[in-house]
Protein backbone atom coordinates (compact mmCIF):
# COMPACT_ATOMS: atom_id res chain seq x y z
CA MET A 1 45.81 74.47 93.24
CA SER A 2 46.80 71.89 95.79
CA THR A 3 46.38 68.15 95.82
CA ALA A 4 44.70 66.73 98.93
CA PRO A 5 47.42 65.28 101.21
CA ARG A 6 45.90 61.77 101.44
CA LEU A 7 45.46 61.70 97.68
CA ASP A 8 49.02 62.82 97.04
CA ASN A 9 50.32 60.22 99.50
CA PHE A 10 48.26 57.45 97.89
CA LEU A 11 49.48 58.32 94.39
CA ARG A 12 53.11 58.39 95.54
CA LEU A 13 52.84 55.07 97.43
CA SER A 14 51.08 53.39 94.50
CA GLN A 15 53.84 54.70 92.20
CA THR A 16 51.31 56.41 89.95
CA ASP A 17 52.59 59.05 87.58
CA TYR A 18 50.22 61.97 87.30
CA ARG A 19 50.10 65.55 86.20
CA THR A 20 48.01 68.38 87.53
CA VAL A 21 45.89 70.79 85.50
CA ASP A 22 44.82 74.11 86.97
CA HIS A 23 41.54 75.78 86.04
CA ARG A 24 39.26 78.53 87.31
CA HIS A 25 37.12 77.78 90.36
CA THR A 26 34.20 75.51 89.44
CA GLU A 27 31.36 73.77 91.25
CA SER A 28 31.00 70.52 89.30
CA ALA A 29 33.07 67.98 87.40
CA ALA A 30 31.38 68.99 84.13
CA ASP A 31 32.25 72.65 84.78
CA SER A 32 35.83 71.62 85.59
CA ALA A 33 36.02 69.81 82.24
CA HIS A 34 34.83 72.92 80.41
CA ALA A 35 37.16 75.23 82.38
CA ALA A 36 40.15 72.97 81.57
CA HIS A 37 39.05 72.58 77.91
CA LEU A 38 38.58 68.83 78.27
CA SER A 39 35.92 66.43 77.09
CA THR A 40 33.45 65.59 79.87
CA ALA A 41 33.95 61.93 78.89
CA ARG A 42 37.55 62.13 80.18
CA VAL A 43 36.77 63.85 83.49
CA ALA A 44 35.58 61.58 86.29
CA LYS A 45 32.71 62.71 88.46
CA SER A 46 33.06 61.15 91.90
CA VAL A 47 29.85 60.53 93.79
CA LEU A 48 29.83 59.50 97.43
CA LEU A 49 27.22 56.87 98.21
CA ARG A 50 26.20 55.39 101.56
CA ASP A 51 24.79 51.92 102.19
CA LYS A 52 21.58 52.46 104.16
CA ARG A 53 21.96 49.04 105.79
CA ASN A 54 25.38 49.43 107.39
CA GLY A 55 26.41 53.06 106.86
CA ARG A 56 29.52 52.15 104.83
CA TYR A 57 30.55 54.52 102.06
CA LEU A 58 31.24 53.79 98.42
CA VAL A 59 32.61 56.08 95.68
CA ALA A 60 31.02 55.82 92.23
CA LEU A 61 32.99 57.17 89.25
CA THR A 62 31.20 58.27 86.09
CA PRO A 63 32.01 60.54 83.18
CA ALA A 64 31.37 64.14 84.25
CA CYS A 65 28.30 64.49 82.00
CA ASN A 66 26.59 61.39 83.44
CA ARG A 67 24.52 60.54 86.48
CA VAL A 68 24.89 57.38 88.54
CA HIS A 69 22.39 54.59 87.91
CA LEU A 70 21.73 53.60 91.55
CA GLY A 71 19.87 50.45 90.49
CA TRP A 72 23.02 49.07 88.85
CA VAL A 73 25.10 49.96 91.90
CA ARG A 74 22.64 48.30 94.26
CA ASP A 75 22.36 45.14 92.14
CA ASN A 76 26.10 44.72 91.54
CA THR A 77 27.46 45.69 94.95
CA HIS A 78 24.71 44.08 97.03
CA THR A 79 24.18 47.35 98.91
CA ASP A 80 21.25 49.64 99.50
CA ALA A 81 23.22 52.60 98.13
CA VAL A 82 21.86 56.13 98.37
CA LEU A 83 23.50 59.49 97.75
CA ALA A 84 25.43 60.68 100.78
CA ARG A 85 24.45 64.02 102.28
CA GLU A 86 26.71 67.03 101.80
CA ALA A 87 27.52 67.11 105.53
CA GLU A 88 28.97 63.59 105.24
CA LEU A 89 31.54 64.74 102.67
CA VAL A 90 33.40 66.74 105.32
CA GLU A 91 33.68 63.67 107.55
CA VAL A 92 34.81 61.31 104.80
CA PHE A 93 37.17 63.71 102.97
CA PRO A 94 38.52 66.01 105.71
CA ASP A 95 41.49 67.19 103.64
CA CYS A 96 39.34 68.25 100.64
CA GLU A 97 37.20 71.28 99.93
CA LEU A 98 33.48 70.62 100.36
CA GLY A 99 32.13 69.01 97.19
CA ALA A 100 35.52 68.33 95.60
CA VAL A 101 35.25 64.56 96.00
CA PRO A 102 38.47 62.87 94.86
CA GLY A 103 37.96 59.82 92.67
CA PHE A 104 40.52 57.71 94.46
CA GLY A 105 38.44 56.08 97.18
CA GLN A 106 41.40 53.82 97.97
CA ALA A 107 43.19 56.80 99.55
CA TYR A 108 40.31 57.00 102.05
CA GLN A 109 39.82 53.22 102.53
CA LEU A 110 36.57 53.28 100.56
CA ASP A 111 35.17 50.75 98.13
CA MET A 112 34.46 51.91 94.61
CA VAL A 113 32.50 51.24 91.43
CA TRP A 114 33.21 52.82 88.09
CA ASP A 115 31.69 53.31 84.68
CA GLU A 116 33.45 51.34 81.95
CA ASP A 117 33.43 54.38 79.65
CA LEU A 118 36.19 55.87 81.81
CA GLY A 119 38.41 52.84 81.21
CA GLN A 120 38.28 53.43 77.45
CA GLN A 121 39.77 56.94 77.63
CA PRO A 122 43.47 57.53 76.84
CA SER A 123 43.73 59.26 80.23
CA VAL A 124 41.29 60.23 82.96
CA PHE A 125 41.11 63.46 84.97
CA PHE A 126 40.01 63.55 88.65
CA GLU A 127 39.28 66.30 91.17
CA ALA A 128 42.47 67.00 93.12
CA GLY A 129 40.59 67.80 96.33
CA ASP A 130 39.78 71.41 95.59
CA HIS A 131 37.67 73.20 93.01
CA GLN A 132 40.58 74.54 90.98
CA GLY A 133 42.57 71.56 89.83
CA LEU A 134 42.48 68.16 88.23
CA ILE A 135 44.80 65.18 88.34
CA GLU A 136 45.43 63.27 85.11
CA ILE A 137 46.48 59.63 85.02
CA GLU A 138 47.08 57.49 81.95
CA ARG A 139 44.85 54.56 80.94
CA ASP A 140 47.32 51.87 82.10
CA ASP A 141 47.51 53.41 85.58
CA PHE A 142 43.72 53.80 85.65
CA HIS A 143 43.27 50.07 85.01
CA ARG A 144 46.00 49.10 87.47
CA LEU A 145 44.31 51.13 90.23
CA PHE A 146 40.64 50.43 89.46
CA ASP A 147 40.19 47.07 87.71
CA SER A 148 39.78 45.23 91.02
CA PHE A 149 36.59 47.22 91.73
CA PRO A 150 33.18 46.46 90.18
CA HIS A 151 32.57 48.25 86.90
CA GLY A 152 30.11 48.33 84.06
CA VAL A 153 27.59 50.72 82.56
CA ILE A 154 26.81 52.36 85.92
CA SER A 155 25.67 55.72 84.58
CA GLN A 156 23.81 57.47 81.82
CA PRO A 157 23.96 61.00 80.41
CA SER A 158 22.22 63.48 82.68
CA ASP A 159 19.00 65.14 81.49
CA ASP A 160 20.74 68.55 81.38
CA TYR A 161 23.52 67.17 79.21
CA LEU A 162 21.03 65.46 76.90
CA ALA A 163 18.98 68.64 76.50
CA TYR A 164 22.04 70.76 75.74
CA HIS A 165 23.66 68.20 73.42
CA SER A 166 20.56 66.60 71.91
CA TYR A 167 21.89 67.05 68.38
CA GLU A 168 24.69 64.59 69.20
CA PHE A 169 22.09 61.89 69.84
CA TRP A 170 19.26 62.76 67.46
CA GLY A 171 20.88 64.89 64.76
CA GLU A 172 20.50 68.55 63.90
CA PRO A 173 16.98 69.98 64.11
CA GLY A 174 15.17 69.74 60.80
């Protein structure tokens, strides 16, 4: 596992203590959580959004099991945010593997929004820039780095997560 150079530089310059966690190769933040034996609530999924009006990018952070509520993002950032195309990821994150979007938009001069559920965790895990490692930062560092960005209930559990974990919401089948 290797941390993306811009990400590593940002964390050092911001004097953020972090640890890395290796795991098998995965394709999604939720899979990374499972591979690292972590709760999906503590692993941040980073979603690159683009404002259709001006082409500027924005990173949205949600728990790994959630999906971004674009209506909230549009209303609270005054953008016409849409999901960025996969080809755009290479341009925006040139030092990362395709699809391993790091959650620290600041390292790439990007604005951000984040789901308040992440701020309640004792620590949060982020993609390190590849598909085999996570970066963990403590709650105090999370708030120091992210509180200046808009946040709220910007996501909801994905349909796949709800179907697989329905008993958590509606109880065991009768």
